[in-house]
C-alpha atoms as a PDB file:
ATOM      1  CA  UNK A   1     118.953 157.322 100.600  1.00  0.00           C
ATOM      2  CA  UNK A   2     119.076 159.018  98.004  1.00  0.00           C
ATOM      3  CA  UNK A   3     118.913 156.897  95.506  1.00  0.00           C
ATOM      4  CA  UNK A   4     115.577 155.562  97.851  1.00  0.00           C
ATOM      5  CA  UNK A   5     113.957 158.913  97.693  1.00  0.00           C
ATOM      6  CA  UNK A   6     114.258 159.455  93.682  1.00  0.00           C
ATOM      7  CA  UNK A   7     112.486 155.774  93.478  1.00  0.00           C
ATOM      8  CA  UNK A   8     110.121 156.854  95.525  1.00  0.00           C
ATOM      9  CA  UNK A   9     109.072 160.129  93.948  1.00  0.00           C
ATOM     10  CA  UNK A  10     109.179 158.620  90.069  1.00  0.00           C
ATOM     11  CA  UNK A  11     106.727 156.149  92.453  1.00  0.00           C
ATOM     12  CA  UNK A  12     104.422 159.410  92.915  1.00  0.00           C
ATOM     13  CA  UNK A  13     104.553 160.593  89.608  1.00  0.00           C
ATOM     14  CA  UNK A  14     104.009 157.455  87.310  1.00  0.00           C
ATOM     15  CA  UNK A  15     101.114 156.798  90.021  1.00  0.00           C
ATOM     16  CA  UNK A  16      99.843 160.353  89.488  1.00  0.00           C
ATOM     17  CA  UNK A  17     100.049 160.551  85.558  1.00  0.00           C
ATOM     18  CA  UNK A  18      98.362 157.231  85.908  1.00  0.00           C
ATOM     19  CA  UNK A  19      95.417 158.191  87.624  1.00  0.00           C
ATOM     20  CA  UNK A  20      95.256 161.562  86.047  1.00  0.00           C
ATOM     21  CA  UNK A  21      94.751 160.152  82.442  1.00  0.00           C
ATOM     22  CA  UNK A  22      92.560 157.680  83.550  1.00  0.00           C
ATOM     23  CA  UNK A  23      90.029 160.011  85.091  1.00  0.00           C
ATOM     24  CA  UNK A  24      90.104 162.473  82.510  1.00  0.00           C
ATOM     25  CA  UNK A  25      89.148 160.172  79.605  1.00  0.00           C
ATOM     26  CA  UNK A  26      86.596 158.240  81.606  1.00  0.00           C
ATOM     27  CA  UNK A  27      84.287 161.800  82.842  1.00  0.00           C
ATOM     28  CA  UNK A  28      83.571 163.962  79.949  1.00  0.00           C
ATOM     29  CA  UNK A  29      81.697 162.606  76.604  1.00  0.00           C
ATOM     30  CA  UNK A  30      83.712 162.027  73.594  1.00  0.00           C
ATOM     31  CA  UNK A  31      81.768 165.408  71.458  1.00  0.00           C
ATOM     32  CA  UNK A  32      81.875 167.657  74.518  1.00  0.00           C
ATOM     33  CA  UNK A  33      85.450 166.913  75.081  1.00  0.00           C
ATOM     34  CA  UNK A  34      86.675 167.700  71.078  1.00  0.00           C
ATOM     35  CA  UNK A  35      84.893 170.687  71.916  1.00  0.00           C
ATOM     36  CA  UNK A  36      85.132 172.253  74.940  1.00  0.00           C
ATOM     37  CA  UNK A  37      89.218 171.919  75.656  1.00  0.00           C
ATOM     38  CA  UNK A  38      89.222 172.088  71.613  1.00  0.00           C
ATOM     39  CA  UNK A  39      90.720 176.084  72.423  1.00  0.00           C
ATOM     40  CA  UNK A  40      91.561 176.428  68.790  1.00  0.00           C
ATOM     41  CA  UNK A  41      88.080 177.958  67.667  1.00  0.00           C
ATOM     42  CA  UNK A  42      86.939 181.680  68.645  1.00  0.00           C
ATOM     43  CA  UNK A  43      83.824 182.465  69.741  1.00  0.00           C
ATOM     44  CA  UNK A  44      81.360 184.104  67.207  1.00  0.00           C
ATOM     45  CA  UNK A  45      81.320 188.578  67.248  1.00  0.00           C
ATOM     46  CA  UNK A  46      77.881 187.959  66.575  1.00  0.00           C
ATOM     47  CA  UNK A  47      76.617 185.867  69.503  1.00  0.00           C
ATOM     48  CA  UNK A  48      73.558 187.599  71.392  1.00  0.00           C
ATOM     49  CA  UNK A  49      74.279 187.114  75.853  1.00  0.00           C
ATOM     50  CA  UNK A  50      72.346 188.963  78.175  1.00  0.00           C
ATOM     51  CA  UNK A  51      74.209 188.047  80.540  1.00  0.00           C
ATOM     52  CA  UNK A  52      77.773 186.290  81.621  1.00  0.00           C
ATOM     53  CA  UNK A  53      77.209 182.976  80.507  1.00  0.00           C
ATOM     54  CA  UNK A  54      79.562 180.066  80.175  1.00  0.00           C
ATOM     55  CA  UNK A  55      79.898 179.017  75.519  1.00  0.00           C
ATOM     56  CA  UNK A  56      79.709 175.683  73.887  1.00  0.00           C
ATOM     57  CA  UNK A  57      80.263 174.150  70.739  1.00  0.00           C
ATOM     58  CA  UNK A  58      78.810 171.686  69.316  1.00  0.00           C
ATOM     59  CA  UNK A  59      79.807 171.280  65.020  1.00  0.00           C
ATOM     60  CA  UNK A  60      78.440 174.439  63.789  1.00  0.00           C
ATOM     61  CA  UNK A  61      76.182 175.209  66.740  1.00  0.00           C
ATOM     62  CA  UNK A  62      76.604 177.387  68.770  1.00  0.00           C
ATOM     63  CA  UNK A  63      74.925 176.843  72.737  1.00  0.00           C
ATOM     64  CA  UNK A  64      74.889 179.377  75.813  1.00  0.00           C
ATOM     65  CA  UNK A  65      74.548 178.328  79.287  1.00  0.00           C
ATOM     66  CA  UNK A  66      73.607 180.789  82.120  1.00  0.00           C
ATOM     67  CA  UNK A  67      74.948 180.206  85.525  1.00  0.00           C
ATOM     68  CA  UNK A  68      71.827 181.623  87.037  1.00  0.00           C
ATOM     69  CA  UNK A  69      68.568 179.546  86.087  1.00  0.00           C
ATOM     70  CA  UNK A  70      70.645 176.635  83.462  1.00  0.00           C
ATOM     71  CA  UNK A  71      68.706 177.852  80.663  1.00  0.00           C
ATOM     72  CA  UNK A  72      70.293 176.906  77.651  1.00  0.00           C
ATOM     73  CA  UNK A  73      70.051 179.397  74.444  1.00  0.00           C
ATOM     74  CA  UNK A  74      71.510 179.533  71.044  1.00  0.00           C
ATOM     75  CA  UNK A  75      73.422 181.427  69.455  1.00  0.00           C
ATOM     76  CA  UNK A  76      70.632 184.004  68.631  1.00  0.00           C
ATOM     77  CA  UNK A  77      69.329 184.303  72.482  1.00  0.00           C
ATOM     78  CA  UNK A  78      66.454 181.887  72.071  1.00  0.00           C
ATOM     79  CA  UNK A  79      66.046 179.625  75.085  1.00  0.00           C
ATOM     80  CA  UNK A  80      66.142 176.307  73.369  1.00  0.00           C
ATOM     81  CA  UNK A  81      66.597 173.889  76.528  1.00  0.00           C
ATOM     82  CA  UNK A  82      67.900 173.374  80.318  1.00  0.00           C
ATOM     83  CA  UNK A  83      71.493 172.637  81.854  1.00  0.00           C
ATOM     84  CA  UNK A  84      71.240 169.158  84.743  1.00  0.00           C
ATOM     85  CA  UNK A  85      74.719 170.503  86.091  1.00  0.00           C
ATOM     86  CA  UNK A  86      74.263 167.086  88.111  1.00  0.00           C
ATOM     87  CA  UNK A  87      75.321 165.122  84.896  1.00  0.00           C
ATOM     88  CA  UNK A  88      76.075 167.580  82.950  1.00  0.00           C
ATOM     89  CA  UNK A  89      73.720 167.218  80.213  1.00  0.00           C
ATOM     90  CA  UNK A  90      72.053 170.008  78.018  1.00  0.00           C
ATOM     91  CA  UNK A  91      68.415 168.787  77.299  1.00  0.00           C
ATOM     92  CA  UNK A  92      66.385 170.508  74.863  1.00  0.00           C
ATOM     93  CA  UNK A  93      62.643 172.018  75.719  1.00  0.00           C
ATOM     94  CA  UNK A  94      60.920 168.436  73.651  1.00  0.00           C
ATOM     95  CA  UNK A  95      63.366 166.312  76.348  1.00  0.00           C
ATOM     96  CA  UNK A  96      66.135 166.024  73.935  1.00  0.00           C
ATOM     97  CA  UNK A  97      69.975 165.376  75.010  1.00  0.00           C
ATOM     98  CA  UNK A  98      72.201 167.636  73.360  1.00  0.00           C
ATOM     99  CA  UNK A  99      75.660 166.651  74.905  1.00  0.00           C
ATOM    100  CA  UNK A 100      76.611 164.823  78.052  1.00  0.00           C
ATOM    101  CA  UNK A 101      78.702 164.647  80.146  1.00  0.00           C
ATOM    102  CA  UNK A 102      79.560 168.102  79.434  1.00  0.00           C
ATOM    103  CA  UNK A 103      82.515 170.275  82.094  1.00  0.00           C
ATOM    104  CA  UNK A 104      81.354 173.729  82.839  1.00  0.00           C
ATOM    105  CA  UNK A 105      85.353 174.370  84.659  1.00  0.00           C
ATOM    106  CA  UNK A 106      86.360 174.111  81.214  1.00  0.00           C
ATOM    107  CA  UNK A 107      84.188 175.735  78.962  1.00  0.00           C
ATOM    108  CA  UNK A 108      84.936 179.680  78.055  1.00  0.00           C
ATOM    109  CA  UNK A 109      82.546 182.567  79.264  1.00  0.00           C
ATOM    110  CA  UNK A 110      81.139 185.244  77.242  1.00  0.00           C
ATOM    111  CA  UNK A 111      80.134 188.563  78.661  1.00  0.00           C
ATOM    112  CA  UNK A 112      77.248 191.174  77.400  1.00  0.00           C
ATOM    113  CA  UNK A 113      79.312 193.736  75.704  1.00  0.00           C
ATOM    114  CA  UNK A 114      78.462 197.304  77.430  1.00  0.00           C
END
Protein backbone atom coordinates (compact mmCIF):
# COMPACT_ATOMS: atom_id res chain seq x y z
CA UNK A 1 0.00 0.00 0.00
CA UNK A 2 2.81 2.45 0.87
CA UNK A 3 4.62 1.67 -2.40
CA UNK A 4 1.52 2.64 -4.40
CA UNK A 5 1.37 6.05 -2.64
CA UNK A 6 5.07 6.62 -3.31
CA UNK A 7 4.62 5.81 -7.00
CA UNK A 8 1.67 8.19 -7.30
CA UNK A 9 3.57 10.98 -5.57
CA UNK A 10 6.65 10.38 -7.73
CA UNK A 11 4.59 10.51 -10.93
CA UNK A 12 2.84 13.68 -9.76
CA UNK A 13 6.21 15.31 -9.00
CA UNK A 14 7.62 14.38 -12.40
CA UNK A 15 4.54 15.72 -14.19
CA UNK A 16 4.68 18.97 -12.22
CA UNK A 17 8.37 19.43 -13.06
CA UNK A 18 7.78 18.78 -16.77
CA UNK A 19 4.80 21.15 -16.86
CA UNK A 20 6.60 24.01 -15.11
CA UNK A 21 9.71 23.70 -17.26
CA UNK A 22 7.83 23.71 -20.55
CA UNK A 23 5.61 26.69 -19.60
CA UNK A 24 8.37 29.01 -18.39
CA UNK A 25 10.57 28.40 -21.41
CA UNK A 26 7.78 29.06 -23.89
CA UNK A 27 6.33 32.23 -22.41
CA UNK A 28 9.25 34.62 -22.28
CA UNK A 29 11.47 36.09 -24.90
CA UNK A 30 15.09 35.03 -24.36
CA UNK A 31 16.33 38.63 -24.12
CA UNK A 32 13.63 39.61 -21.64
CA UNK A 33 14.18 36.43 -19.65
CA UNK A 34 17.91 36.93 -19.27
CA UNK A 35 17.47 40.56 -18.24
CA UNK A 36 14.55 40.22 -15.88
CA UNK A 37 15.57 37.05 -14.12
CA UNK A 38 19.19 38.02 -13.63
CA UNK A 39 19.31 39.12 -10.02
CA UNK A 40 23.05 39.80 -10.05
CA UNK A 41 22.67 43.27 -11.61
CA UNK A 42 22.18 46.32 -9.42
CA UNK A 43 19.77 49.14 -10.06
CA UNK A 44 21.84 52.29 -10.73
CA UNK A 45 21.65 55.03 -8.11
CA UNK A 46 21.31 57.88 -10.64
CA UNK A 47 17.98 56.71 -12.15
CA UNK A 48 15.21 59.33 -12.13
CA UNK A 49 11.96 57.90 -10.74
CA UNK A 50 8.84 60.05 -10.32
CA UNK A 51 6.54 57.25 -9.13
CA UNK A 52 7.04 53.65 -8.02
CA UNK A 53 7.91 51.82 -11.24
CA UNK A 54 9.09 48.51 -12.63
CA UNK A 55 12.77 48.41 -13.58
CA UNK A 56 13.93 46.62 -16.74
CA UNK A 57 17.44 46.41 -18.14
CA UNK A 58 18.15 45.43 -21.72
CA UNK A 59 21.87 45.39 -22.37
CA UNK A 60 23.16 48.76 -21.21
CA UNK A 61 19.76 50.47 -21.49
CA UNK A 62 17.53 51.01 -18.46
CA UNK A 63 13.75 51.26 -18.69
CA UNK A 64 11.16 52.23 -16.08
CA UNK A 65 7.54 51.19 -16.53
CA UNK A 66 5.00 53.31 -14.65
CA UNK A 67 2.11 51.05 -13.57
CA UNK A 68 -0.49 53.84 -13.46
CA UNK A 69 -0.45 54.69 -17.18
CA UNK A 70 2.02 52.10 -18.57
CA UNK A 71 4.41 54.72 -19.92
CA UNK A 72 8.02 53.66 -20.35
CA UNK A 73 10.84 56.07 -19.62
CA UNK A 74 14.59 55.81 -19.90
CA UNK A 75 16.96 56.08 -16.94
CA UNK A 76 16.87 59.88 -17.13
CA UNK A 77 13.07 60.15 -16.82
CA UNK A 78 12.37 60.89 -20.51
CA UNK A 79 9.28 59.05 -21.82
CA UNK A 80 10.36 56.83 -24.69
CA UNK A 81 7.32 54.60 -25.22
CA UNK A 82 4.49 52.53 -23.75
CA UNK A 83 4.06 49.09 -22.26
CA UNK A 84 1.31 46.85 -23.65
CA UNK A 85 0.32 44.44 -20.84
CA UNK A 86 -1.60 41.96 -23.02
CA UNK A 87 1.53 41.09 -25.03
CA UNK A 88 4.25 42.20 -22.61
CA UNK A 89 5.61 44.52 -25.30
CA UNK A 90 7.57 47.71 -24.83
CA UNK A 91 6.93 49.88 -27.89
CA UNK A 92 8.82 53.09 -28.58
CA UNK A 93 7.05 56.34 -29.47
CA UNK A 94 8.06 55.74 -33.10
CA UNK A 95 6.39 52.30 -33.15
CA UNK A 96 9.56 50.24 -32.84
CA UNK A 97 9.29 47.14 -30.63
CA UNK A 98 11.95 47.20 -27.92
CA UNK A 99 11.10 43.86 -26.28
CA UNK A 100 8.25 41.34 -26.14
CA UNK A 101 6.87 38.81 -23.65
CA UNK A 102 7.97 40.85 -20.64
CA UNK A 103 6.47 39.68 -17.34
CA UNK A 104 6.10 42.59 -14.91
CA UNK A 105 5.72 40.24 -11.96
CA UNK A 106 9.36 39.19 -12.40
CA UNK A 107 10.80 42.71 -12.52
CA UNK A 108 12.19 44.61 -9.54
CA UNK A 109 10.33 47.69 -8.34
CA UNK A 110 12.02 51.07 -7.90
CA UNK A 111 10.55 53.72 -5.60
CA UNK A 112 11.28 57.45 -5.76
CA UNK A 113 13.71 58.82 -3.21
CA UNK A 114 12.34 61.09 -0.55
